[in-house]
Amino acid sequence: MPKFAANLTMLFTEVPFLERFKAAREAGFKAVEFLFPYDYQIKEIQGLLRENDLQVVLFNLPAGNWAGGERGIAADPRRVEEFRAGVREAVTWARALKVPRLNCLAGKALPDCTWEEQWRTLVDNVRYAADALAAEGLKLMVESINHFDIPGFLLNTTGQVLELIREVDRPNVYLQYDIYHAQREEGNLTVTLREHLASIGHIQIADNPGRHQPGTGEINYPFLLGEIDKVGYDGYVSLEYVPQPDTRQSLAWIAVYGYNLG
């Protein structure tokens, strides 16, 4: 049975972020993820995890000015030291929170830099991050994001991420397979799970269109979740969706599909 984690950036937004840990535990979750922890103090997040008996399974490396529209700086040749300082900060957080994997967002294409220059910077930075994480026994994820949601994002397809992983050539670098983004960009979900399981280090789910919970759109989640089990994926499946009409009601699909959070 899939192990489900709650994305606290998108779920339980009925309450402030620091209250979402308790809300997730009360809903039955044992694992959570979120985009970024850096606006908070390590000790306060540690306390919330301890109080609610929760494990953090993933968060992102710093990704530039998120509020200003940036979606990663890993491919920007002018900001290499900023990226690498962010890696070091993320490793400090991961060590303190006992988080086993971190995600790297490539960012948007830069109009004043060539594709080749951005790709080379991305490869070098991902290698740097992979080596820094490997020293702590951690895994590094890289994900593709569809071009409809974030126009200009550098990595839109699963194939691009797999090519990057091959070129980086580090054993602790994996594909973060976001099924929503993959469906919007390219489909081919089942084949990807079957053919590239060894490269998948984390899975996130939402339905399409709308990015709401499973059962609200076109993706056959009863089949797909069964396939995730069938191929032998043993990691977490994170719920990274916009809940409708609210978070607690949006979780009904779990029992309907024959699963639980235990």
C-alpha atoms as a PDB file:
ATOM      1  CA  MET A   1       0.000   0.000   0.000  1.00  0.00           C
ATOM      2  CA  PRO A   2       1.336   3.481  -0.802  1.00  0.00           C
ATOM      3  CA  LYS A   3       2.739   5.513   2.067  1.00  0.00           C
ATOM      4  CA  PHE A   4       1.063   8.917   1.901  1.00  0.00           C
ATOM      5  CA  ALA A   5       2.551  12.225   3.029  1.00  0.00           C
ATOM      6  CA  ALA A   6       0.802  15.585   3.307  1.00  0.00           C
ATOM      7  CA  ASN A   7       2.266  18.602   1.554  1.00  0.00           C
ATOM      8  CA  LEU A   8       1.782  21.298   4.185  1.00  0.00           C
ATOM      9  CA  THR A   9       2.277  24.125   1.716  1.00  0.00           C
ATOM     10  CA  MET A  10      -0.879  23.099  -0.139  1.00  0.00           C
ATOM     11  CA  LEU A  11      -2.928  21.133   2.402  1.00  0.00           C
ATOM     12  CA  PHE A  12      -4.431  22.406   5.661  1.00  0.00           C
ATOM     13  CA  THR A  13      -4.216  26.016   4.498  1.00  0.00           C
ATOM     14  CA  GLU A  14      -7.314  26.639   6.600  1.00  0.00           C
ATOM     15  CA  VAL A  15      -4.815  27.324   9.416  1.00  0.00           C
ATOM     16  CA  PRO A  16      -1.403  29.074   9.555  1.00  0.00           C
ATOM     17  CA  PHE A  17       1.629  27.040   8.504  1.00  0.00           C
ATOM     18  CA  LEU A  18       2.885  26.186  11.977  1.00  0.00           C
ATOM     19  CA  GLU A  19      -0.547  24.847  12.932  1.00  0.00           C
ATOM     20  CA  ARG A  20      -0.671  22.516   9.940  1.00  0.00           C
ATOM     21  CA  PHE A  21       1.587  19.944  11.601  1.00  0.00           C
ATOM     22  CA  LYS A  22      -1.026  19.295  14.277  1.00  0.00           C
ATOM     23  CA  ALA A  23      -3.815  19.327  11.690  1.00  0.00           C
ATOM     24  CA  ALA A  24      -1.975  16.739   9.601  1.00  0.00           C
ATOM     25  CA  ARG A  25      -1.444  14.465  12.585  1.00  0.00           C
ATOM     26  CA  GLU A  26      -5.083  14.775  13.629  1.00  0.00           C
ATOM     27  CA  ALA A  27      -6.078  13.753  10.100  1.00  0.00           C
ATOM     28  CA  GLY A  28      -3.958  10.618  10.450  1.00  0.00           C
ATOM     29  CA  PHE A  29      -0.762  11.505   8.581  1.00  0.00           C
ATOM     30  CA  LYS A  30       2.588  10.298   9.850  1.00  0.00           C
ATOM     31  CA  ALA A  31       4.680  12.049   7.202  1.00  0.00           C
ATOM     32  CA  VAL A  32       4.734  15.551   5.741  1.00  0.00           C
ATOM     33  CA  GLU A  33       6.603  17.664   3.225  1.00  0.00           C
ATOM     34  CA  PHE A  34       6.599  21.352   2.342  1.00  0.00           C
ATOM     35  CA  LEU A  35       8.228  23.732  -0.098  1.00  0.00           C
ATOM     36  CA  PHE A  36      10.559  25.639   2.219  1.00  0.00           C
ATOM     37  CA  PRO A  37      11.288  25.830   5.971  1.00  0.00           C
ATOM     38  CA  TYR A  38      13.691  28.756   5.864  1.00  0.00           C
ATOM     39  CA  ASP A  39      11.384  31.481   7.205  1.00  0.00           C
ATOM     40  CA  TYR A  40      11.152  29.636  10.516  1.00  0.00           C
ATOM     41  CA  GLN A  41      13.496  28.478  13.254  1.00  0.00           C
ATOM     42  CA  ILE A  42      14.893  24.961  13.260  1.00  0.00           C
ATOM     43  CA  LYS A  43      13.964  24.432  16.897  1.00  0.00           C
ATOM     44  CA  GLU A  44      10.316  25.378  16.401  1.00  0.00           C
ATOM     45  CA  ILE A  45       9.925  22.935  13.506  1.00  0.00           C
ATOM     46  CA  GLN A  46      11.741  20.254  15.504  1.00  0.00           C
ATOM     47  CA  GLY A  47       9.320  20.821  18.360  1.00  0.00           C
ATOM     48  CA  LEU A  48       6.270  20.517  16.122  1.00  0.00           C
ATOM     49  CA  LEU A  49       7.553  17.282  14.625  1.00  0.00           C
ATOM     50  CA  ARG A  50       8.232  15.853  18.061  1.00  0.00           C
ATOM     51  CA  GLU A  51       4.893  16.965  19.516  1.00  0.00           C
ATOM     52  CA  ASN A  52       2.947  15.495  16.618  1.00  0.00           C
ATOM     53  CA  ASP A  53       5.105  12.420  15.970  1.00  0.00           C
ATOM     54  CA  LEU A  54       5.677  13.402  12.343  1.00  0.00           C
ATOM     55  CA  GLN A  55       8.482  12.796   9.878  1.00  0.00           C
ATOM     56  CA  VAL A  56       9.458  15.296   7.181  1.00  0.00           C
ATOM     57  CA  VAL A  57      10.148  13.361   3.989  1.00  0.00           C
ATOM     58  CA  LEU A  58      11.167  16.226   1.678  1.00  0.00           C
ATOM     59  CA  PHE A  59      11.554  19.952   1.184  1.00  0.00           C
ATOM     60  CA  ASN A  60      13.176  22.096  -1.507  1.00  0.00           C
ATOM     61  CA  LEU A  61      16.572  23.713  -1.711  1.00  0.00           C
ATOM     62  CA  PRO A  62      16.327  27.520  -1.572  1.00  0.00           C
ATOM     63  CA  ALA A  63      14.965  28.665  -4.935  1.00  0.00           C
ATOM     64  CA  GLY A  64      15.648  32.394  -5.144  1.00  0.00           C
ATOM     65  CA  ASN A  65      12.989  35.054  -4.696  1.00  0.00           C
ATOM     66  CA  TRP A  66       9.897  32.844  -4.662  1.00  0.00           C
ATOM     67  CA  ALA A  67       7.492  35.663  -3.810  1.00  0.00           C
ATOM     68  CA  GLY A  68       8.964  37.635  -6.698  1.00  0.00           C
ATOM     69  CA  GLY A  69       8.274  34.842  -9.176  1.00  0.00           C
ATOM     70  CA  GLU A  70      11.581  32.987  -9.246  1.00  0.00           C
ATOM     71  CA  ARG A  71      11.332  29.213  -9.358  1.00  0.00           C
ATOM     72  CA  GLY A  72      14.928  28.174  -8.805  1.00  0.00           C
ATOM     73  CA  ILE A  73      18.399  29.491  -9.566  1.00  0.00           C
ATOM     74  CA  ALA A  74      20.273  26.248 -10.229  1.00  0.00           C
ATOM     75  CA  ALA A  75      20.912  27.100 -13.890  1.00  0.00           C
ATOM     76  CA  ASP A  76      21.901  30.752 -13.453  1.00  0.00           C
ATOM     77  CA  PRO A  77      25.660  31.132 -14.079  1.00  0.00           C
ATOM     78  CA  ARG A  78      25.676  34.486 -12.263  1.00  0.00           C
ATOM     79  CA  ARG A  79      24.308  33.024  -9.029  1.00  0.00           C
ATOM     80  CA  VAL A  80      26.377  29.904  -8.520  1.00  0.00           C
ATOM     81  CA  GLU A  81      27.641  30.897  -5.078  1.00  0.00           C
ATOM     82  CA  GLU A  82      24.134  31.873  -3.976  1.00  0.00           C
ATOM     83  CA  PHE A  83      22.867  28.464  -5.059  1.00  0.00           C
ATOM     84  CA  ARG A  84      25.671  26.645  -3.286  1.00  0.00           C
ATOM     85  CA  ALA A  85      25.187  28.648  -0.098  1.00  0.00           C
ATOM     86  CA  GLY A  86      21.550  27.577  -0.278  1.00  0.00           C
ATOM     87  CA  VAL A  87      22.613  23.947  -0.564  1.00  0.00           C
ATOM     88  CA  ARG A  88      24.666  24.288   2.591  1.00  0.00           C
ATOM     89  CA  GLU A  89      21.736  25.900   4.406  1.00  0.00           C
ATOM     90  CA  ALA A  90      19.376  23.148   3.259  1.00  0.00           C
ATOM     91  CA  VAL A  91      21.776  20.443   4.436  1.00  0.00           C
ATOM     92  CA  THR A  92      21.880  22.072   7.869  1.00  0.00           C
ATOM     93  CA  TRP A  93      18.088  21.945   8.030  1.00  0.00           C
ATOM     94  CA  ALA A  94      17.928  18.384   6.708  1.00  0.00           C
ATOM     95  CA  ARG A  95      20.428  17.197   9.283  1.00  0.00           C
ATOM     96  CA  ALA A  96      18.498  18.850  12.116  1.00  0.00           C
ATOM     97  CA  LEU A  97      15.084  17.596  10.977  1.00  0.00           C
ATOM     98  CA  LYS A  98      16.329  14.161   9.850  1.00  0.00           C
ATOM     99  CA  VAL A  99      15.000  14.654   6.328  1.00  0.00           C
ATOM    100  CA  PRO A 100      16.262  11.981   3.892  1.00  0.00           C
ATOM    101  CA  ARG A 101      15.796  13.812   0.588  1.00  0.00           C
ATOM    102  CA  LEU A 102      15.782  17.342  -0.820  1.00  0.00           C
ATOM    103  CA  ASN A 103      14.426  18.653  -4.118  1.00  0.00           C
ATOM    104  CA  CYS A 104      16.237  20.974  -6.527  1.00  0.00           C
ATOM    105  CA  LEU A 105      14.202  23.323  -8.728  1.00  0.00           C
ATOM    106  CA  ALA A 106      16.027  24.192 -11.943  1.00  0.00           C
ATOM    107  CA  GLY A 107      14.332  27.560 -12.453  1.00  0.00           C
ATOM    108  CA  LYS A 108      13.118  29.453 -15.486  1.00  0.00           C
ATOM    109  CA  ALA A 109      15.130  29.835 -18.664  1.00  0.00           C
ATOM    110  CA  LEU A 110      17.179  33.027 -18.785  1.00  0.00           C
ATOM    111  CA  PRO A 111      16.721  35.106 -21.947  1.00  0.00           C
ATOM    112  CA  ASP A 112      20.209  36.607 -21.742  1.00  0.00           C
ATOM    113  CA  CYS A 113      22.070  33.295 -21.374  1.00  0.00           C
ATOM    114  CA  THR A 114      22.443  30.519 -23.917  1.00  0.00           C
ATOM    115  CA  TRP A 115      20.784  27.169 -23.336  1.00  0.00           C
ATOM    116  CA  GLU A 116      24.218  25.532 -23.312  1.00  0.00           C
ATOM    117  CA  GLU A 117      25.491  27.879 -20.606  1.00  0.00           C
ATOM    118  CA  GLN A 118      22.437  27.273 -18.451  1.00  0.00           C
ATOM    119  CA  TRP A 119      22.605  23.513 -18.923  1.00  0.00           C
ATOM    120  CA  ARG A 120      26.284  23.386 -17.994  1.00  0.00           C
ATOM    121  CA  THR A 121      25.627  25.487 -14.893  1.00  0.00           C
ATOM    122  CA  LEU A 122      22.727  23.234 -13.944  1.00  0.00           C
ATOM    123  CA  VAL A 123      24.831  20.084 -14.327  1.00  0.00           C
ATOM    124  CA  ASP A 124      27.672  21.539 -12.255  1.00  0.00           C
ATOM    125  CA  ASN A 125      25.339  22.800  -9.536  1.00  0.00           C
ATOM    126  CA  VAL A 126      23.408  19.546  -9.296  1.00  0.00           C
ATOM    127  CA  ARG A 127      26.717  17.692  -8.968  1.00  0.00           C
ATOM    128  CA  TYR A 128      27.749  20.061  -6.197  1.00  0.00           C
ATOM    129  CA  ALA A 129      24.441  19.566  -4.406  1.00  0.00           C
ATOM    130  CA  ALA A 130      24.562  15.797  -4.871  1.00  0.00           C
ATOM    131  CA  ASP A 131      28.035  15.592  -3.375  1.00  0.00           C
ATOM    132  CA  ALA A 132      27.086  17.828  -0.446  1.00  0.00           C
ATOM    133  CA  LEU A 133      24.022  15.697   0.263  1.00  0.00           C
ATOM    134  CA  ALA A 134      25.902  12.421  -0.200  1.00  0.00           C
ATOM    135  CA  ALA A 135      28.272  13.434   2.591  1.00  0.00           C
ATOM    136  CA  GLU A 136      25.210  13.399   4.877  1.00  0.00           C
ATOM    137  CA  GLY A 137      23.693  10.234   3.414  1.00  0.00           C
ATOM    138  CA  LEU A 138      20.921  12.209   1.672  1.00  0.00           C
ATOM    139  CA  LYS A 139      19.281  11.909  -1.744  1.00  0.00           C
ATOM    140  CA  LEU A 140      18.737  14.754  -4.206  1.00  0.00           C
ATOM    141  CA  MET A 141      15.571  14.991  -6.292  1.00  0.00           C
ATOM    142  CA  VAL A 142      15.084  16.956  -9.511  1.00  0.00           C
ATOM    143  CA  GLU A 143      11.624  17.488 -11.001  1.00  0.00           C
ATOM    144  CA  SER A 144      10.091  18.636 -14.246  1.00  0.00           C
ATOM    145  CA  ILE A 145       7.285  21.211 -14.212  1.00  0.00           C
ATOM    146  CA  ASN A 146       4.789  21.626 -17.028  1.00  0.00           C
ATOM    147  CA  HIS A 147       5.086  24.692 -19.240  1.00  0.00           C
ATOM    148  CA  PHE A 148       1.445  25.704 -18.736  1.00  0.00           C
ATOM    149  CA  ASP A 149       1.758  26.273 -14.986  1.00  0.00           C
ATOM    150  CA  ILE A 150       5.209  27.851 -15.091  1.00  0.00           C
ATOM    151  CA  PRO A 151       5.959  29.187 -18.581  1.00  0.00           C
ATOM    152  CA  GLY A 152       9.658  29.132 -19.303  1.00  0.00           C
ATOM    153  CA  PHE A 153      10.591  26.561 -16.668  1.00  0.00           C
ATOM    154  CA  LEU A 154      13.823  24.942 -17.779  1.00  0.00           C
ATOM    155  CA  LEU A 155      12.862  21.282 -17.331  1.00  0.00           C
ATOM    156  CA  ASN A 156       9.406  20.419 -18.673  1.00  0.00           C
ATOM    157  CA  THR A 157       9.659  16.704 -19.398  1.00  0.00           C
ATOM    158  CA  THR A 158      10.633  13.531 -17.616  1.00  0.00           C
ATOM    159  CA  GLY A 159      13.125  12.871 -20.393  1.00  0.00           C
ATOM    160  CA  GLN A 160      14.965  16.120 -19.698  1.00  0.00           C
ATOM    161  CA  VAL A 161      15.355  15.232 -16.028  1.00  0.00           C
ATOM    162  CA  LEU A 162      16.547  11.727 -16.863  1.00  0.00           C
ATOM    163  CA  GLU A 163      19.094  13.189 -19.287  1.00  0.00           C
ATOM    164  CA  LEU A 164      20.296  15.536 -16.546  1.00  0.00           C
ATOM    165  CA  ILE A 165      20.604  12.641 -14.099  1.00  0.00           C
ATOM    166  CA  ARG A 166      22.687  10.675 -16.608  1.00  0.00           C
ATOM    167  CA  GLU A 167      25.019  13.599 -17.220  1.00  0.00           C
ATOM    168  CA  VAL A 168      25.389  14.497 -13.545  1.00  0.00           C
ATOM    169  CA  ASP A 169      26.342  10.863 -12.920  1.00  0.00           C
ATOM    170  CA  ARG A 170      25.892  10.733  -9.161  1.00  0.00           C
ATOM    171  CA  PRO A 171      24.225   7.718  -7.507  1.00  0.00           C
ATOM    172  CA  ASN A 172      22.133   9.799  -5.099  1.00  0.00           C
ATOM    173  CA  VAL A 173      20.330  11.910  -7.742  1.00  0.00           C
ATOM    174  CA  TYR A 174      16.772  10.897  -8.599  1.00  0.00           C
ATOM    175  CA  LEU A 175      13.670  11.977 -10.465  1.00  0.00           C
ATOM    176  CA  GLN A 176      10.939  13.533  -8.363  1.00  0.00           C
ATOM    177  CA  TYR A 177       7.965  12.289 -10.341  1.00  0.00           C
ATOM    178  CA  ASP A 178       5.094  14.740 -10.043  1.00  0.00           C
ATOM    179  CA  ILE A 179       2.196  12.977 -11.716  1.00  0.00           C
ATOM    180  CA  TYR A 180       0.168  16.165 -12.149  1.00  0.00           C
ATOM    181  CA  HIS A 181       2.967  17.971 -13.989  1.00  0.00           C
ATOM    182  CA  ALA A 182       3.736  14.878 -16.055  1.00  0.00           C
ATOM    183  CA  GLN A 183       0.118  14.459 -17.108  1.00  0.00           C
ATOM    184  CA  ARG A 184      -0.198  18.093 -18.182  1.00  0.00           C
ATOM    185  CA  GLU A 185       3.050  18.034 -20.131  1.00  0.00           C
ATOM    186  CA  GLU A 186       3.330  14.570 -21.636  1.00  0.00           C
ATOM    187  CA  GLY A 187       1.135  11.830 -20.163  1.00  0.00           C
ATOM    188  CA  ASN A 188       2.686   8.357 -20.458  1.00  0.00           C
ATOM    189  CA  LEU A 189       2.360   7.896 -16.694  1.00  0.00           C
ATOM    190  CA  THR A 190       2.200   4.114 -16.438  1.00  0.00           C
ATOM    191  CA  VAL A 191       5.032   3.518 -18.892  1.00  0.00           C
ATOM    192  CA  THR A 192       7.215   5.972 -16.990  1.00  0.00           C
ATOM    193  CA  LEU A 193       6.558   4.167 -13.718  1.00  0.00           C
ATOM    194  CA  ARG A 194       7.317   0.802 -15.293  1.00  0.00           C
ATOM    195  CA  GLU A 195      10.403   1.796 -17.263  1.00  0.00           C
ATOM    196  CA  HIS A 196      12.044   4.286 -14.918  1.00  0.00           C
ATOM    197  CA  LEU A 197      11.249   3.042 -11.421  1.00  0.00           C
ATOM    198  CA  ALA A 198      14.940   2.832 -10.540  1.00  0.00           C
ATOM    199  CA  SER A 199      15.316   6.557 -11.235  1.00  0.00           C
ATOM    200  CA  ILE A 200      12.255   7.665  -9.225  1.00  0.00           C
ATOM    201  CA  GLY A 201      13.055   8.817  -5.702  1.00  0.00           C
ATOM    202  CA  HIS A 202       9.805  10.545  -4.761  1.00  0.00           C
ATOM    203  CA  ILE A 203       6.254  10.797  -6.116  1.00  0.00           C
ATOM    204  CA  GLN A 204       3.744  13.643  -5.813  1.00  0.00           C
ATOM    205  CA  ILE A 205       0.117  13.477  -6.892  1.00  0.00           C
ATOM    206  CA  ALA A 206      -2.788  15.704  -7.914  1.00  0.00           C
ATOM    207  CA  ASP A 207      -5.515  15.303 -10.512  1.00  0.00           C
ATOM    208  CA  ASN A 208      -5.891  17.210 -13.757  1.00  0.00           C
ATOM    209  CA  PRO A 209      -7.399  19.641 -14.629  1.00  0.00           C
ATOM    210  CA  GLY A 210      -7.428  21.912 -11.604  1.00  0.00           C
ATOM    211  CA  ARG A 211      -4.696  20.258  -9.536  1.00  0.00           C
ATOM    212  CA  HIS A 212      -7.254  19.025  -7.022  1.00  0.00           C
ATOM    213  CA  GLN A 213      -7.413  15.698  -5.172  1.00  0.00           C
ATOM    214  CA  PRO A 214      -7.561  12.323  -6.945  1.00  0.00           C
ATOM    215  CA  GLY A 215     -11.008  11.579  -8.312  1.00  0.00           C
ATOM    216  CA  THR A 216     -11.725  15.112  -9.500  1.00  0.00           C
ATOM    217  CA  GLY A 217     -10.203  14.838 -12.960  1.00  0.00           C
ATOM    218  CA  GLU A 218      -9.020  12.665 -15.808  1.00  0.00           C
ATOM    219  CA  ILE A 219      -6.269  10.613 -14.154  1.00  0.00           C
ATOM    220  CA  ASN A 220      -7.251   7.042 -13.292  1.00  0.00           C
ATOM    221  CA  TYR A 221      -5.821   7.076  -9.791  1.00  0.00           C
ATOM    222  CA  PRO A 222      -7.248   3.732  -8.620  1.00  0.00           C
ATOM    223  CA  PHE A 223      -5.305   2.109 -11.453  1.00  0.00           C
ATOM    224  CA  LEU A 224      -2.226   4.313 -11.109  1.00  0.00           C
ATOM    225  CA  LEU A 225      -1.838   3.883  -7.351  1.00  0.00           C
ATOM    226  CA  GLY A 226      -2.205   0.154  -7.884  1.00  0.00           C
ATOM    227  CA  GLU A 227       0.526   0.349 -10.499  1.00  0.00           C
ATOM    228  CA  ILE A 228       2.793   2.232  -8.079  1.00  0.00           C
ATOM    229  CA  ASP A 229       2.408  -0.716  -5.714  1.00  0.00           C
ATOM    230  CA  LYS A 230       2.750  -3.274  -8.485  1.00  0.00           C
ATOM    231  CA  VAL A 231       6.090  -1.962  -9.762  1.00  0.00           C
ATOM    232  CA  GLY A 232       7.499  -2.079  -6.232  1.00  0.00           C
ATOM    233  CA  TYR A 233       7.881   1.604  -5.425  1.00  0.00           C
ATOM    234  CA  ASP A 234       8.552   1.802  -1.689  1.00  0.00           C
ATOM    235  CA  GLY A 235       8.917   5.548  -1.168  1.00  0.00           C
ATOM    236  CA  TYR A 236       6.363   8.160  -0.208  1.00  0.00           C
ATOM    237  CA  VAL A 237       3.477   9.416  -2.317  1.00  0.00           C
ATOM    238  CA  SER A 238       2.925  13.028  -1.347  1.00  0.00           C
ATOM    239  CA  LEU A 239      -0.411  14.765  -1.669  1.00  0.00           C
ATOM    240  CA  GLU A 240       0.506  18.031  -3.372  1.00  0.00           C
ATOM    241  CA  TYR A 241      -2.880  19.280  -4.485  1.00  0.00           C
ATOM    242  CA  VAL A 242      -5.330  22.141  -4.020  1.00  0.00           C
ATOM    243  CA  PRO A 243      -8.018  20.579  -1.807  1.00  0.00           C
ATOM    244  CA  GLN A 244     -11.692  20.958  -2.677  1.00  0.00           C
ATOM    245  CA  PRO A 245     -13.841  22.002  -0.889  1.00  0.00           C
ATOM    246  CA  ASP A 246     -11.431  21.863   2.073  1.00  0.00           C
ATOM    247  CA  THR A 247      -8.583  19.662   3.206  1.00  0.00           C
ATOM    248  CA  ARG A 248     -10.440  17.248   5.477  1.00  0.00           C
ATOM    249  CA  GLN A 249     -13.195  16.589   2.944  1.00  0.00           C
ATOM    250  CA  SER A 250     -10.632  16.258   0.165  1.00  0.00           C
ATOM    251  CA  LEU A 251      -9.096  13.232   1.905  1.00  0.00           C
ATOM    252  CA  ALA A 252     -12.205  11.073   1.425  1.00  0.00           C
ATOM    253  CA  TRP A 253     -10.729   9.464  -1.698  1.00  0.00           C
ATOM    254  CA  ILE A 254      -8.151   7.613   0.411  1.00  0.00           C
ATOM    255  CA  ALA A 255     -10.765   5.368   2.036  1.00  0.00           C
ATOM    256  CA  VAL A 256     -12.871   5.196  -1.136  1.00  0.00           C
ATOM    257  CA  TYR A 257      -9.857   3.741  -2.976  1.00  0.00           C
ATOM    258  CA  GLY A 258      -9.279   1.228  -0.187  1.00  0.00           C
ATOM    259  CA  TYR A 259      -6.275   2.885   1.432  1.00  0.00           C
ATOM    260  CA  ASN A 260      -5.542   4.395   4.826  1.00  0.00           C
ATOM    261  CA  LEU A 261      -2.921   6.588   6.476  1.00  0.00           C
ATOM    262  CA  GLY A 262      -1.789   3.928   8.948  1.00  0.00           C
END
